[in-house]
């Protein structure tokens, strides 16, 4: 018989790529091309691209490269990714999950910039949260906790009362560093020891009790 665990929360902070939206096809196309152009093994490059802003990924892959070149390349990469929505689909269960959050405190915290976030959420036909922390609004990329801390502050809540939903190692590390519990989503998340783990959002239900308290009910 399936087991259910319960995680109380006052707000949810949602990563986008890999958590709400499956954009792996686009990410792999764009980053494979970039890696080949820079003499890198695409398979090795794809191991580190998830969860970080593009310039931070480039810094990991080419540690001796001037950062201004990474920022310049990142602008080109963002434009390519924004224009390419072929294969962008919602993670299973994402539509129902977002509908359940409509009147509850939540925010999008993503390494995408505003244009890319809008493009991918629209392609996946998911509602865009009114509160969001995109790449332009932070000075440091995940795994730095800045984005999640800003999300909690925007919602007026203590980090300990927030649950992060993330798929990547960088994102899970950022959530933990922010002092938040982390629900890992998808195949990349398990090795990074999140608080709880699901394969997709069909395993998660948002429950509001009679007293107004909220919790995630997670079915294993």
Protein backbone atom coordinates (compact mmCIF):
# COMPACT_ATOMS: atom_id res chain seq x y z
CA UNK A 1 0.00 0.00 0.00
CA UNK A 2 1.37 3.49 -0.85
CA UNK A 3 2.71 5.50 2.09
CA UNK A 4 2.01 9.21 2.57
CA UNK A 5 4.28 11.75 4.25
CA UNK A 6 3.18 15.23 5.26
CA UNK A 7 5.24 18.43 5.06
CA UNK A 8 3.55 21.51 6.60
CA UNK A 9 4.33 24.84 4.95
CA UNK A 10 3.34 28.49 4.80
CA UNK A 11 4.79 29.11 1.33
CA UNK A 12 6.25 27.17 -1.58
CA UNK A 13 9.23 28.36 -3.60
CA UNK A 14 9.22 26.74 -7.01
CA UNK A 15 12.08 26.15 -9.39
CA UNK A 16 10.94 26.04 -13.02
CA UNK A 17 13.09 23.87 -15.31
CA UNK A 18 12.89 20.21 -14.37
CA UNK A 19 10.44 20.96 -11.56
CA UNK A 20 7.39 22.49 -13.26
CA UNK A 21 8.54 22.45 -16.89
CA UNK A 22 10.47 19.77 -18.75
CA UNK A 23 12.80 21.80 -20.97
CA UNK A 24 15.57 19.20 -21.22
CA UNK A 25 15.28 18.96 -25.02
CA UNK A 26 16.03 22.66 -25.48
CA UNK A 27 18.72 22.77 -22.81
CA UNK A 28 20.52 19.83 -24.35
CA UNK A 29 20.34 21.26 -27.88
CA UNK A 30 21.68 24.66 -26.89
CA UNK A 31 24.35 23.52 -24.47
CA UNK A 32 25.56 20.70 -26.71
CA UNK A 33 26.21 23.27 -29.44
CA UNK A 34 27.99 25.61 -27.02
CA UNK A 35 30.16 22.81 -25.64
CA UNK A 36 31.25 21.69 -29.11
CA UNK A 37 32.03 25.28 -30.10
CA UNK A 38 34.35 25.52 -27.09
CA UNK A 39 36.07 22.16 -27.50
CA UNK A 40 34.26 20.50 -24.60
CA UNK A 41 32.68 17.08 -24.27
CA UNK A 42 28.90 17.74 -24.46
CA UNK A 43 28.10 14.79 -22.21
CA UNK A 44 30.35 16.16 -19.47
CA UNK A 45 28.99 19.70 -19.95
CA UNK A 46 25.41 18.52 -19.54
CA UNK A 47 26.24 17.11 -16.12
CA UNK A 48 26.63 20.64 -14.68
CA UNK A 49 24.22 22.85 -16.64
CA UNK A 50 21.06 22.18 -14.64
CA UNK A 51 20.04 24.65 -11.96
CA UNK A 52 22.66 27.32 -12.55
CA UNK A 53 22.54 30.52 -14.54
CA UNK A 54 24.39 30.13 -17.82
CA UNK A 55 27.38 32.30 -16.92
CA UNK A 56 27.91 30.23 -13.75
CA UNK A 57 27.82 26.99 -15.74
CA UNK A 58 30.38 28.42 -18.15
CA UNK A 59 32.63 29.39 -15.23
CA UNK A 60 32.54 25.79 -13.96
CA UNK A 61 33.32 24.38 -17.40
CA UNK A 62 35.99 26.95 -18.31
CA UNK A 63 37.43 28.10 -14.97
CA UNK A 64 40.25 30.18 -16.49
CA UNK A 65 38.01 32.09 -18.88
CA UNK A 66 37.36 35.81 -18.20
CA UNK A 67 33.93 36.21 -16.59
CA UNK A 68 32.95 39.01 -18.98
CA UNK A 69 33.07 36.48 -21.83
CA UNK A 70 30.78 34.16 -19.86
CA UNK A 71 28.27 36.97 -19.33
CA UNK A 72 28.39 37.85 -23.04
CA UNK A 73 27.86 34.22 -24.07
CA UNK A 74 25.07 33.90 -21.53
CA UNK A 75 23.10 36.69 -23.22
CA UNK A 76 23.33 34.83 -26.52
CA UNK A 77 22.37 31.55 -24.84
CA UNK A 78 19.32 33.09 -23.16
CA UNK A 79 18.11 34.48 -26.48
CA UNK A 80 18.50 31.06 -28.16
CA UNK A 81 16.71 29.25 -25.37
CA UNK A 82 13.88 31.79 -25.32
CA UNK A 83 13.31 31.40 -29.06
CA UNK A 84 13.33 27.60 -28.90
CA UNK A 85 10.31 26.06 -27.16
CA UNK A 86 10.19 22.88 -29.23
CA UNK A 87 9.68 20.00 -26.81
CA UNK A 88 8.94 22.18 -23.77
CA UNK A 89 6.16 20.43 -21.83
CA UNK A 90 4.82 20.47 -18.27
CA UNK A 91 6.17 17.99 -15.76
CA UNK A 92 3.41 15.41 -15.10
CA UNK A 93 1.00 16.77 -12.50
CA UNK A 94 2.25 20.36 -12.81
CA UNK A 95 -1.03 21.84 -14.09
CA UNK A 96 -3.12 20.42 -11.24
CA UNK A 97 -0.43 21.32 -8.71
CA UNK A 98 -0.29 24.96 -9.85
CA UNK A 99 -4.08 25.18 -9.82
CA UNK A 100 -4.07 24.03 -6.20
CA UNK A 101 -1.64 26.84 -5.32
CA UNK A 102 -3.68 29.62 -6.92
CA UNK A 103 -4.75 31.20 -3.62
CA UNK A 104 -1.78 30.16 -1.49
CA UNK A 105 1.58 31.92 -0.96
CA UNK A 106 4.06 30.78 -3.57
CA UNK A 107 6.80 32.17 -5.78
CA UNK A 108 8.82 31.13 -8.81
CA UNK A 109 12.57 31.15 -8.12
CA UNK A 110 14.41 30.35 -11.33
CA UNK A 111 17.81 30.73 -12.94
CA UNK A 112 16.01 31.78 -16.14
CA UNK A 113 15.54 35.46 -16.86
CA UNK A 114 12.05 36.95 -17.11
CA UNK A 115 11.72 36.48 -20.88
CA UNK A 116 12.81 32.85 -20.77
CA UNK A 117 10.58 32.10 -17.80
CA UNK A 118 7.58 33.63 -19.55
CA UNK A 119 8.32 31.69 -22.74
CA UNK A 120 8.66 28.32 -21.04
CA UNK A 121 5.72 28.67 -18.67
CA UNK A 122 3.55 29.72 -21.64
CA UNK A 123 4.80 26.83 -23.79
CA UNK A 124 3.93 24.42 -20.98
CA UNK A 125 0.55 26.17 -20.53
CA UNK A 126 1.19 26.79 -16.83
CA UNK A 127 0.13 29.93 -14.92
CA UNK A 128 2.93 32.34 -14.08
CA UNK A 129 3.16 33.11 -10.34
CA UNK A 130 2.72 36.80 -9.55
CA UNK A 131 5.73 36.65 -7.23
CA UNK A 132 8.91 35.54 -8.95
CA UNK A 133 12.65 35.87 -8.55
CA UNK A 134 14.31 35.59 -11.96
CA UNK A 135 17.96 35.84 -12.98
CA UNK A 136 17.93 39.64 -13.29
CA UNK A 137 16.95 40.04 -9.64
CA UNK A 138 19.87 38.23 -8.00
CA UNK A 139 23.58 38.87 -7.85
CA UNK A 140 24.55 35.22 -7.43
CA UNK A 141 23.37 32.04 -9.13
CA UNK A 142 22.23 28.89 -7.40
CA UNK A 143 23.75 27.13 -5.41
CA UNK A 144 23.88 30.49 -3.65
CA UNK A 145 20.69 30.83 -1.53
CA UNK A 146 20.03 34.46 -2.51
CA UNK A 147 17.11 33.70 -4.82
CA UNK A 148 15.22 31.59 -2.31
CA UNK A 149 15.84 34.05 0.50
CA UNK A 150 14.50 36.84 -1.72
CA UNK A 151 11.44 34.75 -2.53
CA UNK A 152 10.68 34.21 1.15
CA UNK A 153 11.21 37.91 1.86
CA UNK A 154 8.87 38.91 -0.97
CA UNK A 155 6.20 36.71 0.58
CA UNK A 156 6.92 38.09 4.05
CA UNK A 157 7.71 34.69 5.54
CA UNK A 158 10.49 33.08 7.52
CA UNK A 159 12.70 30.73 5.47
CA UNK A 160 11.96 27.88 7.87
CA UNK A 161 8.27 28.11 6.96
CA UNK A 162 8.99 27.64 3.24
CA UNK A 163 9.43 24.51 1.19
CA UNK A 164 11.55 24.59 -1.95
CA UNK A 165 10.69 22.39 -4.95
CA UNK A 166 13.81 21.62 -6.97
CA UNK A 167 15.25 19.10 -9.40
CA UNK A 168 18.97 19.93 -9.54
CA UNK A 169 21.94 19.63 -7.25
CA UNK A 170 22.63 23.36 -7.41
CA UNK A 171 19.01 24.18 -6.57
CA UNK A 172 18.76 21.69 -3.73
CA UNK A 173 22.00 23.04 -2.25
CA UNK A 174 20.61 26.58 -2.52
CA UNK A 175 17.41 25.62 -0.74
CA UNK A 176 19.28 23.91 2.08
CA UNK A 177 21.66 26.88 2.43
CA UNK A 178 18.60 29.14 2.77
CA UNK A 179 17.47 27.09 5.77
CA UNK A 180 14.50 25.61 3.94
CA UNK A 181 13.18 22.10 3.50
CA UNK A 182 13.48 20.79 -0.05
CA UNK A 183 11.16 18.53 -1.99
CA UNK A 184 13.24 16.99 -4.76
CA UNK A 185 11.44 16.42 -8.06
CA UNK A 186 12.59 14.04 -10.77
CA UNK A 187 15.53 11.74 -11.51
CA UNK A 188 18.30 14.28 -10.89
CA UNK A 189 17.18 15.14 -7.37
CA UNK A 190 17.61 11.90 -5.44
CA UNK A 191 21.40 11.85 -5.14
CA UNK A 192 21.42 15.31 -3.52
CA UNK A 193 19.55 14.28 -0.36
CA UNK A 194 16.45 16.48 -0.40
CA UNK A 195 14.06 16.40 2.56
CA UNK A 196 11.65 14.29 0.50
CA UNK A 197 11.65 13.01 -3.08
CA UNK A 198 9.06 12.44 -5.83
CA UNK A 199 9.46 11.39 -9.43
CA UNK A 200 6.94 14.02 -10.59
CA UNK A 201 4.15 16.20 -9.26
CA UNK A 202 1.45 13.53 -9.60
CA UNK A 203 2.79 12.27 -6.26
CA UNK A 204 2.12 15.60 -4.49
CA UNK A 205 -1.17 16.97 -3.18
CA UNK A 206 -1.70 20.37 -1.59
CA UNK A 207 -3.92 20.06 1.48
CA UNK A 208 -5.58 22.95 3.33
CA UNK A 209 -7.00 22.07 6.75
CA UNK A 210 -10.13 23.57 8.33
CA UNK A 211 -7.96 25.92 10.42
CA UNK A 212 -6.30 27.27 7.27
CA UNK A 213 -2.97 25.49 7.75
CA UNK A 214 -1.39 23.98 4.64
CA UNK A 215 0.73 20.94 3.94
CA UNK A 216 2.09 18.86 1.11
CA UNK A 217 0.87 15.28 1.15
CA UNK A 218 3.46 13.17 -0.64
CA UNK A 219 2.68 9.66 -1.83
CA UNK A 220 5.60 7.30 -2.19
